Amino acid sequence: ERVLGEPLDPADTGLLLKLAPGANIDAVVADLEEQIEDRVFKIGQGKPIDIVNFGRVEATPYLLGGILGALSLATLAHLLVSAVRRRRRELAILKTLGFVRGQVRSAVAWQATTLVVVALLVGVPLGIATGRWAWMLFAEGLGVVAVPRVPAIAIAVTVAVAIVAANVIAAGPAQFAARTKPALVLRSE
């Protein structure tokens, strides 16, 4: 009103208040009506509907993460089984040169670890950047302050669990590779 020099229509202006816990909303409205000459309209909405709807699907990111994690582990298992079958000849040559079963199992475990570490080196930074960008977009659409947080402990635990899971999955194909009979494999070639 001071800038324009004329009274403003309450329908054209708005003031959003967040009251302290225990504050009396009727007293605040009465005080404002005294100061603004009965041009106060009170709309008690509670939480914005978008935030309430988002709260209903709170488990969705965890479910999606679990499904993607399971698919990643299945893909890793398939890749290791395929690699061991495809590289039977090389494994047989290594055993002929003196590799023992433990060394063959170790080679397969290192392959799994290397694959997971490379995937994590690419996926974690890309995931953090994409997640921050998506959250900023989502928060701006809701009209809330976007403060993305990156939980370092959760990321570190996820990396450690991924490496351990890769080695657990590699145990099956590694055992199969360790049982390779060099004479049978090399004779068929």
Protein backbone atom coordinates (compact mmCIF):
# COMPACT_ATOMS: atom_id res chain seq x y z
CA GLU A 1 0.00 0.00 0.00
CA ARG A 2 2.88 2.36 0.77
CA VAL A 3 4.50 1.76 -2.64
CA LEU A 4 1.34 2.02 -4.73
CA GLY A 5 -0.31 4.74 -2.69
CA GLU A 6 -3.67 3.01 -2.74
CA PRO A 7 -5.30 0.29 -0.66
CA LEU A 8 -4.76 -3.26 -1.84
CA ASP A 9 -7.54 -5.74 -2.37
CA PRO A 10 -7.09 -8.64 0.08
CA ALA A 11 -7.85 -11.04 -2.75
CA ASP A 12 -4.72 -9.77 -4.55
CA THR A 13 -2.37 -10.09 -1.59
CA GLY A 14 -1.48 -12.81 0.80
CA LEU A 15 0.52 -13.54 3.88
CA LEU A 16 1.51 -17.00 4.94
CA LEU A 17 2.12 -17.45 8.65
CA LYS A 18 3.54 -20.37 10.53
CA LEU A 19 2.57 -20.09 14.15
CA ALA A 20 4.58 -21.35 17.08
CA PRO A 21 3.23 -24.49 18.74
CA GLY A 22 0.44 -23.60 21.15
CA ALA A 23 -0.28 -20.19 19.57
CA ASN A 24 -3.93 -19.16 19.35
CA ILE A 25 -4.81 -18.64 15.70
CA ASP A 26 -8.00 -16.71 16.53
CA ALA A 27 -6.02 -14.21 18.62
CA VAL A 28 -3.51 -13.71 15.80
CA VAL A 29 -6.33 -13.17 13.27
CA ALA A 30 -8.08 -10.70 15.61
CA ASP A 31 -4.84 -8.77 16.08
CA LEU A 32 -4.27 -8.62 12.32
CA GLU A 33 -7.87 -7.52 11.69
CA GLU A 34 -7.35 -4.60 14.07
CA GLN A 35 -4.23 -3.51 12.22
CA ILE A 36 -5.50 -4.12 8.68
CA GLU A 37 -9.09 -2.90 9.15
CA ASP A 38 -11.06 -6.16 8.84
CA ARG A 39 -9.47 -7.30 5.61
CA VAL A 40 -8.16 -10.61 6.98
CA PHE A 41 -9.30 -13.91 5.56
CA LYS A 42 -8.25 -17.01 7.39
CA ILE A 43 -7.74 -20.20 5.38
CA GLY A 44 -6.71 -23.12 7.53
CA GLN A 45 -5.33 -25.71 5.19
CA GLY A 46 -2.86 -27.71 7.22
CA LYS A 47 -0.22 -29.43 5.15
CA PRO A 48 -0.24 -28.81 1.39
CA ILE A 49 -2.02 -31.60 -0.44
CA ASP A 50 1.07 -32.39 -2.58
CA ILE A 51 3.15 -33.09 0.52
CA VAL A 52 0.41 -35.28 1.99
CA ASN A 53 0.19 -37.27 -1.26
CA PHE A 54 3.97 -37.61 -1.37
CA GLY A 55 3.93 -38.98 2.18
CA ARG A 56 1.63 -41.78 1.05
CA VAL A 57 4.24 -43.13 -1.36
CA GLU A 58 7.15 -42.82 1.06
CA ALA A 59 8.15 -46.47 0.63
CA THR A 60 8.30 -46.24 -3.17
CA PRO A 61 11.98 -45.16 -3.39
CA TYR A 62 13.00 -48.03 -1.10
CA LEU A 63 10.96 -50.52 -3.12
CA LEU A 64 12.43 -49.22 -6.38
CA GLY A 65 15.94 -49.36 -4.92
CA GLY A 66 15.39 -52.95 -3.78
CA ILE A 67 14.14 -54.02 -7.19
CA LEU A 68 17.07 -52.32 -8.96
CA GLY A 69 19.51 -53.87 -6.48
CA ALA A 70 18.07 -57.35 -7.05
CA LEU A 71 18.27 -56.87 -10.83
CA SER A 72 21.89 -55.71 -10.49
CA LEU A 73 22.80 -58.77 -8.45
CA ALA A 74 21.05 -61.08 -10.91
CA THR A 75 22.89 -59.41 -13.79
CA LEU A 76 26.21 -59.83 -11.99
CA ALA A 77 25.48 -63.52 -11.31
CA HIS A 78 24.58 -64.08 -14.97
CA LEU A 79 27.69 -62.27 -16.13
CA LEU A 80 29.97 -64.30 -13.87
CA VAL A 81 28.40 -67.64 -14.86
CA SER A 82 28.70 -66.69 -18.54
CA ALA A 83 32.30 -65.55 -18.12
CA VAL A 84 33.31 -68.76 -16.34
CA ARG A 85 31.68 -70.89 -19.05
CA ARG A 86 33.12 -68.83 -21.88
CA ARG A 87 36.62 -68.77 -20.35
CA ARG A 88 36.84 -72.46 -19.47
CA ARG A 89 39.82 -72.92 -21.75
CA GLU A 90 41.78 -70.05 -20.15
CA LEU A 91 40.94 -71.36 -16.68
CA ALA A 92 42.13 -74.83 -17.70
CA ILE A 93 45.41 -73.37 -18.98
CA LEU A 94 45.89 -71.48 -15.71
CA LYS A 95 45.30 -74.68 -13.75
CA THR A 96 47.78 -76.49 -16.00
CA LEU A 97 50.35 -73.78 -15.29
CA GLY A 98 49.93 -74.32 -11.55
CA PHE A 99 46.87 -72.46 -10.33
CA VAL A 100 45.21 -74.26 -7.45
CA ARG A 101 41.46 -74.19 -6.77
CA GLY A 102 41.78 -71.31 -4.32
CA GLN A 103 43.57 -69.17 -6.89
CA VAL A 104 40.90 -69.87 -9.50
CA ARG A 105 38.18 -68.94 -6.99
CA SER A 106 40.14 -65.80 -6.14
CA ALA A 107 40.39 -64.81 -9.82
CA VAL A 108 36.62 -65.05 -10.22
CA ALA A 109 36.07 -63.11 -6.97
CA TRP A 110 38.42 -60.38 -8.18
CA GLN A 111 36.52 -60.19 -11.44
CA ALA A 112 33.28 -59.66 -9.52
CA THR A 113 34.88 -57.08 -7.23
CA THR A 114 36.37 -55.18 -10.16
CA LEU A 115 33.04 -55.07 -11.97
CA VAL A 116 31.21 -53.77 -8.91
CA VAL A 117 33.87 -51.18 -8.04
CA VAL A 118 33.88 -49.79 -11.59
CA ALA A 119 30.07 -49.68 -11.57
CA LEU A 120 30.10 -47.89 -8.21
CA LEU A 121 32.73 -45.39 -9.37
CA VAL A 122 30.42 -44.41 -12.21
CA GLY A 123 27.02 -44.98 -10.59
CA VAL A 124 27.43 -43.31 -7.19
CA PRO A 125 28.49 -39.84 -8.42
CA LEU A 126 26.01 -40.01 -11.28
CA GLY A 127 23.25 -41.09 -8.89
CA ILE A 128 24.04 -38.31 -6.43
CA ALA A 129 24.02 -35.67 -9.16
CA THR A 130 20.80 -36.99 -10.71
CA GLY A 131 19.12 -37.32 -7.32
CA ARG A 132 20.01 -33.77 -6.32
CA TRP A 133 18.77 -32.42 -9.64
CA ALA A 134 15.49 -34.38 -9.43
CA TRP A 135 14.88 -33.30 -5.83
CA MET A 136 15.51 -29.64 -6.68
CA LEU A 137 13.02 -29.88 -9.54
CA PHE A 138 10.44 -31.66 -7.38
CA ALA A 139 10.83 -29.26 -4.45
CA GLU A 140 10.55 -26.21 -6.68
CA GLY A 141 7.35 -27.65 -8.14
CA LEU A 142 5.93 -27.93 -4.61
CA GLY A 143 7.09 -24.45 -3.73
CA VAL A 144 9.26 -25.57 -0.83
CA VAL A 145 12.87 -24.82 -0.05
CA ALA A 146 15.07 -27.37 -1.78
CA VAL A 147 17.82 -28.55 0.52
CA PRO A 148 19.15 -31.82 -0.89
CA ARG A 149 21.15 -33.93 1.55
CA VAL A 150 23.62 -36.63 0.63
CA PRO A 151 23.77 -39.25 3.39
CA ALA A 152 27.47 -40.14 3.36
CA ILE A 153 27.09 -42.99 5.85
CA ALA A 154 24.30 -44.61 3.83
CA ILE A 155 26.38 -44.35 0.66
CA ALA A 156 29.43 -45.87 2.38
CA VAL A 157 27.31 -48.74 3.73
CA THR A 158 25.78 -49.31 0.29
CA VAL A 159 29.24 -49.47 -1.31
CA ALA A 160 30.48 -51.95 1.29
CA VAL A 161 27.34 -54.11 1.00
CA ALA A 162 27.64 -54.11 -2.81
CA ILE A 163 31.23 -55.34 -2.68
CA VAL A 164 30.40 -58.05 -0.13
CA ALA A 165 27.30 -59.11 -2.11
CA ALA A 166 29.38 -59.34 -5.30
CA ASN A 167 31.83 -61.69 -3.60
CA VAL A 168 29.03 -63.80 -2.13
CA ILE A 169 27.45 -64.10 -5.58
CA ALA A 170 30.85 -64.91 -7.09
CA ALA A 171 31.23 -67.91 -4.77
CA GLY A 172 29.00 -70.13 -6.93
CA PRO A 173 30.65 -69.46 -10.29
CA ALA A 174 34.07 -69.50 -8.59
CA GLN A 175 33.41 -72.96 -7.18
CA PHE A 176 32.31 -74.14 -10.61
CA ALA A 177 35.48 -72.67 -12.14
CA ALA A 178 37.66 -74.27 -9.46
CA ARG A 179 36.25 -77.69 -10.31
CA THR A 180 37.27 -77.35 -13.96
CA LYS A 181 39.21 -80.41 -15.10
CA PRO A 182 41.98 -79.10 -17.37
CA ALA A 183 42.45 -82.41 -19.20
CA LEU A 184 38.77 -82.65 -20.20
CA VAL A 185 38.53 -79.02 -21.31
CA LEU A 186 41.78 -78.98 -23.26
CA ARG A 187 41.15 -82.39 -24.86
CA SER A 188 37.84 -81.17 -26.35
CA GLU A 189 39.67 -78.34 -28.11
